[in-house]
Amino acid sequence: MASRIPIRRRSRAATASTKVVDPVAGWAAAEVEAALAIPTDPTAAAFFDVDNTMMQGASIYYLARGLAARKYFTTGDLVRFGLQQLRFRLLASENAGDVSAARDAALAFVADWRVDDLERLSEEIFDELMAERIWAGTRALAQLHLDAGQRVWLVTAAPVELGRVIAKRLGLTGAIGTVAEVRDGRYTGRLVGDLMHGPAKAQAINALAEVEGLDLARCSAYSDSVNDIPMLSTVGHAVAVNPDSALHSEARRRGWEIRDFRTGRKAAKVAVPTAMGTALAAGALVAGVALARRRRGSHEHRFSIAHFRR
């Protein structure tokens, strides 16, 4: 007689705890996921200016407002710097001397601050002041590139940390911005290279294209400012978004696409911060330099405790 092989019966608890995966269902899910995946386009990308292109007004201005609300510097400091930036715009005084002065003072006030602290503040202030000011139309344009499998980069004169926060919040690839020198996780108060302004944006895009293997003739760029003509001229598809009068004229002359998402109400709402936030306003936080120096002795303690209470 053949011997019977004893059968072990599992307890109900053991049976209930065992997960059975239907391989057919698993394959079907994988097929659906693969079908819905967006094919990557490795040689094309889009580059978006931030101030008044992706956002209503100037990101650096809103960062300054948020820091002023947290008592980093006074409202008077902010207003004085805003008037100075307005003068730069109205008198077209962005000459070499102005650029040099802005570069030297751009991030002096953050000397000794921790990088992760400034990034955390930028996240808070984006959520409080900037998120609602993102142009829906421009964000939709960026999404079209993402849906086409292309990478989307912000290119801004603001600190790269702020640009990175905005890009992350919007689901974009990353950001190119003004870079501050860092040692041991803290800012030295000096810049690495120049402000990300004018020709510097075009140079940065060219450098990124070389590293990433981009075909610039297949890339796109978006900006509101005549200062960004070098960037717009670098790519095959240039778009003037909410353009200033000089860029509007140049775009029409060159046959570039023009998109304007402004209304009278919105334009009036953001006119002042936009003027205050000229591209040279990577130094917009200069408003706080003098006050920061006066507070240098207690600065670090106040930064790590008082200014992160919401």
Protein backbone atom coordinates (compact mmCIF):
# COMPACT_ATOMS: atom_id res chain seq x y z
CA MET A 1 0.00 0.00 0.00
CA ALA A 2 1.33 3.35 -0.91
CA SER A 3 2.05 5.54 2.03
CA ARG A 4 -0.08 8.63 2.37
CA ILE A 5 1.70 11.93 2.62
CA PRO A 6 0.34 13.82 5.58
CA ILE A 7 -1.23 17.17 4.77
CA ARG A 8 -0.67 20.07 7.11
CA ARG A 9 -3.60 22.35 7.50
CA ARG A 10 -2.95 26.06 8.01
CA SER A 11 -4.72 27.88 10.71
CA ARG A 12 -7.22 30.50 9.66
CA ALA A 13 -4.98 33.24 11.04
CA ALA A 14 -2.05 32.04 8.94
CA THR A 15 -4.22 31.82 5.85
CA ALA A 16 -5.65 35.28 6.40
CA SER A 17 -2.20 36.80 6.76
CA THR A 18 -0.97 35.35 3.45
CA LYS A 19 -1.33 37.69 0.51
CA VAL A 20 -2.05 36.03 -2.81
CA VAL A 21 -1.13 38.10 -5.87
CA ASP A 22 -2.86 37.25 -9.10
CA PRO A 23 -0.02 37.24 -11.67
CA VAL A 24 -2.44 38.02 -14.49
CA ALA A 25 -3.73 41.11 -12.69
CA GLY A 26 -0.14 42.14 -11.97
CA TRP A 27 0.81 41.88 -15.62
CA ALA A 28 -2.27 43.84 -16.66
CA ALA A 29 -1.43 46.65 -14.22
CA ALA A 30 2.12 46.77 -15.55
CA GLU A 31 0.84 46.96 -19.13
CA VAL A 32 -1.50 49.84 -18.26
CA GLU A 33 1.27 51.68 -16.46
CA ALA A 34 3.61 51.25 -19.42
CA ALA A 35 0.92 52.42 -21.85
CA LEU A 36 0.27 55.57 -19.82
CA ALA A 37 3.96 56.42 -19.31
CA ILE A 38 5.11 59.49 -21.19
CA PRO A 39 8.01 58.70 -23.54
CA THR A 40 11.00 60.81 -22.64
CA ASP A 41 12.35 63.38 -25.09
CA PRO A 42 16.02 63.52 -24.09
CA THR A 43 17.16 66.25 -26.47
CA ALA A 44 14.48 68.90 -25.85
CA ALA A 45 13.71 71.04 -22.80
CA ALA A 46 11.99 74.27 -21.84
CA PHE A 47 13.41 77.19 -19.87
CA PHE A 48 11.14 79.61 -18.01
CA ASP A 49 12.05 82.94 -16.46
CA VAL A 50 10.27 83.36 -13.12
CA ASP A 51 9.41 87.00 -12.39
CA ASN A 52 6.27 88.09 -14.25
CA THR A 53 6.68 85.07 -16.54
CA MET A 54 5.87 82.14 -14.27
CA MET A 55 4.79 84.34 -11.37
CA GLN A 56 2.90 87.60 -11.03
CA GLY A 57 5.52 90.01 -9.73
CA ALA A 58 8.99 89.31 -8.41
CA SER A 59 9.80 86.21 -6.37
CA ILE A 60 12.63 87.96 -4.56
CA TYR A 61 10.27 90.75 -3.51
CA TYR A 62 7.85 88.28 -1.95
CA LEU A 63 10.72 86.50 -0.24
CA ALA A 64 11.83 89.85 1.15
CA ARG A 65 8.27 90.56 2.32
CA GLY A 66 8.13 87.22 4.06
CA LEU A 67 11.44 87.81 5.78
CA ALA A 68 10.36 91.31 6.82
CA ALA A 69 7.22 89.80 8.35
CA ARG A 70 9.51 87.53 10.33
CA LYS A 71 11.44 90.60 11.58
CA TYR A 72 14.65 90.00 9.64
CA PHE A 73 14.51 93.63 8.61
CA THR A 74 12.06 96.51 8.77
CA THR A 75 9.33 97.55 6.37
CA GLY A 76 11.24 100.81 5.89
CA ASP A 77 14.28 98.85 4.70
CA LEU A 78 12.08 97.01 2.23
CA VAL A 79 10.47 100.19 0.91
CA ARG A 80 13.82 101.95 0.48
CA PHE A 81 15.19 99.09 -1.53
CA GLY A 82 12.00 98.85 -3.57
CA LEU A 83 12.30 102.52 -4.52
CA GLN A 84 15.91 101.96 -5.52
CA GLN A 85 14.90 99.08 -7.78
CA LEU A 86 12.10 101.20 -9.27
CA ARG A 87 14.68 103.86 -10.09
CA PHE A 88 16.78 101.22 -11.85
CA ARG A 89 13.77 100.39 -14.03
CA LEU A 90 12.55 103.87 -14.81
CA LEU A 91 15.95 105.39 -15.49
CA ALA A 92 17.34 102.31 -17.22
CA SER A 93 20.36 102.64 -14.94
CA GLU A 94 21.33 98.97 -14.93
CA ASN A 95 24.85 99.83 -15.99
CA ALA A 96 28.05 98.01 -15.09
CA GLY A 97 28.41 99.91 -11.83
CA ASP A 98 24.89 99.02 -10.74
CA VAL A 99 25.46 95.38 -11.60
CA SER A 100 28.72 95.32 -9.67
CA ALA A 101 27.14 96.90 -6.59
CA ALA A 102 24.18 94.52 -6.70
CA ARG A 103 26.52 91.55 -7.09
CA ASP A 104 28.68 92.55 -4.13
CA ALA A 105 25.70 93.04 -1.83
CA ALA A 106 23.30 90.46 -3.24
CA LEU A 107 23.45 87.91 -0.45
CA ALA A 108 25.65 89.66 2.11
CA PHE A 109 22.82 89.67 4.63
CA VAL A 110 22.68 85.86 4.77
CA ALA A 111 26.29 85.51 5.88
CA ASP A 112 26.47 82.80 8.56
CA TRP A 113 22.92 81.57 7.88
CA ARG A 114 22.43 77.86 7.36
CA VAL A 115 21.43 76.82 3.84
CA ASP A 116 18.71 74.45 5.03
CA ASP A 117 17.18 77.23 7.14
CA LEU A 118 16.88 79.59 4.17
CA GLU A 119 15.40 76.80 2.07
CA ARG A 120 12.84 76.09 4.80
CA LEU A 121 11.93 79.77 4.95
CA SER A 122 11.61 79.88 1.17
CA GLU A 123 9.16 76.98 1.30
CA GLU A 124 7.05 78.71 3.95
CA ILE A 125 7.02 82.02 2.09
CA PHE A 126 6.23 80.37 -1.24
CA ASP A 127 3.16 78.77 0.28
CA GLU A 128 2.11 82.01 1.99
CA LEU A 129 2.77 84.61 -0.71
CA MET A 130 3.80 83.11 -4.04
CA ALA A 131 1.66 80.06 -4.76
CA GLU A 132 -1.46 82.11 -5.50
CA ARG A 133 0.53 84.35 -7.84
CA ILE A 134 1.59 81.65 -10.28
CA TRP A 135 0.24 82.44 -13.74
CA ALA A 136 -2.12 79.57 -14.59
CA GLY A 137 -1.45 80.06 -18.30
CA THR A 138 2.32 79.85 -17.95
CA ARG A 139 2.06 76.85 -15.64
CA ALA A 140 -0.07 75.17 -18.32
CA LEU A 141 2.60 75.86 -20.93
CA ALA A 142 5.18 74.22 -18.68
CA GLN A 143 2.87 71.23 -18.26
CA LEU A 144 2.64 70.82 -22.04
CA HIS A 145 6.41 70.33 -22.12
CA LEU A 146 6.29 67.88 -19.24
CA ASP A 147 3.50 65.95 -20.97
CA ALA A 148 5.72 65.76 -24.05
CA GLY A 149 8.40 64.07 -21.94
CA GLN A 150 10.62 67.13 -21.84
CA ARG A 151 12.43 68.59 -18.86
CA VAL A 152 11.41 72.04 -17.62
CA TRP A 153 13.85 74.38 -15.88
CA LEU A 154 13.30 77.72 -14.17
CA VAL A 155 16.01 80.30 -14.88
CA THR A 156 16.09 83.16 -12.39
CA ALA A 157 18.28 85.92 -11.00
CA ALA A 158 16.95 85.01 -7.55
CA PRO A 159 18.98 82.70 -5.30
CA VAL A 160 19.04 79.19 -6.74
CA GLU A 161 17.62 77.85 -3.45
CA LEU A 162 14.45 79.89 -3.98
CA GLY A 163 14.26 78.81 -7.62
CA ARG A 164 14.61 75.19 -6.54
CA VAL A 165 11.74 75.54 -4.06
CA ILE A 166 9.45 77.05 -6.72
CA ALA A 167 10.38 74.33 -9.23
CA LYS A 168 9.73 71.59 -6.67
CA ARG A 169 6.36 73.06 -5.68
CA LEU A 170 5.32 73.24 -9.35
CA GLY A 171 6.54 69.75 -10.20
CA LEU A 172 9.23 70.98 -12.60
CA THR A 173 12.67 69.51 -13.25
CA GLY A 174 14.82 72.07 -11.47
CA ALA A 175 16.16 75.61 -11.42
CA ILE A 176 19.13 77.66 -12.55
CA GLY A 177 19.77 80.71 -10.36
CA THR A 178 22.26 82.94 -8.63
CA VAL A 179 24.61 80.83 -6.53
CA ALA A 180 25.87 81.84 -3.10
CA GLU A 181 29.14 80.55 -1.70
CA VAL A 182 28.65 77.94 1.03
CA ARG A 183 31.11 76.56 3.54
CA ASP A 184 30.20 73.89 6.08
CA GLY A 185 26.51 74.29 5.29
CA ARG A 186 26.51 78.06 5.86
CA TYR A 187 26.55 81.03 3.53
CA THR A 188 29.69 83.14 3.43
CA GLY A 189 27.80 86.18 2.09
CA ARG A 190 29.65 86.07 -1.24
CA LEU A 191 28.47 84.88 -4.64
CA VAL A 192 29.92 82.14 -6.82
CA GLY A 193 30.22 83.71 -10.26
CA ASP A 194 27.86 86.44 -11.43
CA LEU A 195 24.20 87.22 -10.97
CA MET A 196 22.02 85.01 -13.17
CA HIS A 197 21.01 87.96 -15.32
CA GLY A 198 21.02 88.81 -19.02
CA PRO A 199 23.80 87.00 -20.92
CA ALA A 200 24.58 84.86 -17.87
CA LYS A 201 21.25 83.03 -18.38
CA ALA A 202 22.18 82.16 -21.96
CA GLN A 203 25.60 80.95 -20.84
CA ALA A 204 24.06 78.76 -18.15
CA ILE A 205 21.59 77.23 -20.61
CA ASN A 206 24.39 76.47 -23.05
CA ALA A 207 26.39 74.80 -20.30
CA LEU A 208 23.40 72.74 -19.18
CA ALA A 209 22.66 71.72 -22.77
CA GLU A 210 26.19 70.41 -23.16
CA VAL A 211 25.97 68.35 -19.98
CA GLU A 212 22.45 67.04 -20.65
CA GLY A 213 22.87 66.47 -24.38
CA LEU A 214 20.17 68.93 -25.37
CA ASP A 215 19.61 70.12 -28.91
CA LEU A 216 19.00 73.83 -28.34
CA ALA A 217 17.30 74.14 -31.71
CA ARG A 218 14.56 71.87 -30.28
CA CYS A 219 14.36 73.72 -26.95
CA SER A 220 12.02 76.52 -25.89
CA ALA A 221 12.43 79.58 -23.69
CA TYR A 222 9.88 81.89 -22.09
CA SER A 223 10.38 85.37 -20.61
CA ASP A 224 8.71 88.73 -20.05
CA SER A 225 11.81 90.93 -20.17
CA VAL A 226 13.93 92.47 -22.89
CA ASN A 227 16.90 91.66 -20.63
CA ASP A 228 16.33 87.99 -21.50
CA ILE A 229 16.78 88.35 -25.25
CA PRO A 230 20.12 86.46 -24.99
CA MET A 231 18.28 83.51 -23.39
CA LEU A 232 15.42 83.64 -25.87
CA SER A 233 17.86 83.82 -28.78
CA THR A 234 19.68 80.70 -27.59
CA VAL A 235 16.81 78.29 -28.34
CA GLY A 236 14.83 77.35 -31.40
CA HIS A 237 11.45 78.37 -29.98
CA ALA A 238 11.23 81.70 -28.13
CA VAL A 239 8.04 82.92 -26.48
CA ALA A 240 7.45 86.37 -24.99
CA VAL A 241 5.13 85.92 -21.99
CA ASN A 242 3.48 89.03 -20.50
CA PRO A 243 6.20 91.01 -22.31
CA ASP A 244 7.38 94.48 -21.45
CA SER A 245 7.05 96.97 -24.29
CA ALA A 246 10.63 96.56 -25.50
CA LEU A 247 10.40 92.77 -25.64
CA HIS A 248 6.97 92.96 -27.27
CA SER A 249 8.40 95.05 -30.09
CA GLU A 250 11.43 92.79 -30.48
CA ALA A 251 9.28 89.66 -30.46
CA ARG A 252 7.09 91.05 -33.23
CA ARG A 253 10.17 92.01 -35.24
CA ARG A 254 11.68 88.53 -34.89
CA GLY A 255 8.42 86.65 -35.34
CA TRP A 256 8.50 85.16 -31.86
CA GLU A 257 5.30 83.88 -30.29
CA ILE A 258 3.65 86.25 -27.79
CA ARG A 259 1.45 85.10 -24.90
CA ASP A 260 -0.16 87.54 -22.48
CA PHE A 261 -2.04 86.22 -19.47
CA ARG A 262 -2.53 89.56 -17.75
CA THR A 263 -5.81 91.32 -17.12
CA GLY A 264 -6.21 94.94 -16.07
CA ARG A 265 -6.96 93.84 -12.51
CA LYS A 266 -4.00 91.50 -12.19
CA ALA A 267 -1.61 93.88 -13.91
CA ALA A 268 -2.52 96.62 -11.45
CA LYS A 269 -2.15 94.22 -8.55
CA VAL A 270 1.42 93.25 -9.37
CA ALA A 271 2.78 96.38 -11.03
CA VAL A 272 4.69 97.67 -8.01
CA PRO A 273 6.37 94.43 -6.92
CA THR A 274 7.31 93.72 -10.53
CA ALA A 275 9.10 97.04 -10.83
CA MET A 276 10.78 96.50 -7.50
CA GLY A 277 11.88 93.07 -8.61
CA THR A 278 14.01 93.89 -11.61
CA ALA A 279 16.36 91.15 -12.71
CA LEU A 280 19.12 92.72 -10.69
CA ALA A 281 17.06 92.01 -7.61
CA ALA A 282 18.99 88.92 -6.79
CA GLY A 283 20.20 91.66 -4.49
CA ALA A 284 16.67 92.56 -3.47
CA LEU A 285 17.34 91.38 0.03
CA VAL A 286 20.00 94.06 0.28
CA ALA A 287 17.31 95.94 2.11
CA GLY A 288 18.24 93.96 5.16
CA VAL A 289 22.02 94.22 4.99
CA ALA A 290 22.48 97.17 7.33
CA LEU A 291 20.00 95.86 9.83
CA ALA A 292 21.48 92.38 9.64
CA ARG A 293 24.91 93.78 10.44
CA ARG A 294 23.53 95.59 13.46
CA ARG A 295 22.00 92.33 14.62
CA ARG A 296 24.95 90.12 13.75
CA GLY A 297 25.71 89.36 17.35
CA SER A 298 22.34 87.72 18.00
CA HIS A 299 21.50 86.78 14.42
CA GLU A 300 22.07 83.03 14.54
CA HIS A 301 20.06 82.48 17.71
CA ARG A 302 17.13 84.50 16.41
CA PHE A 303 17.22 82.68 13.09
CA SER A 304 17.08 79.19 14.53
CA ILE A 305 14.36 79.88 17.10
CA ALA A 306 12.18 82.94 16.61
CA HIS A 307 11.72 82.94 12.87
CA PHE A 308 10.39 79.43 12.45
CA ARG A 309 7.32 79.91 14.64
CA ARG A 310 4.18 80.11 12.53
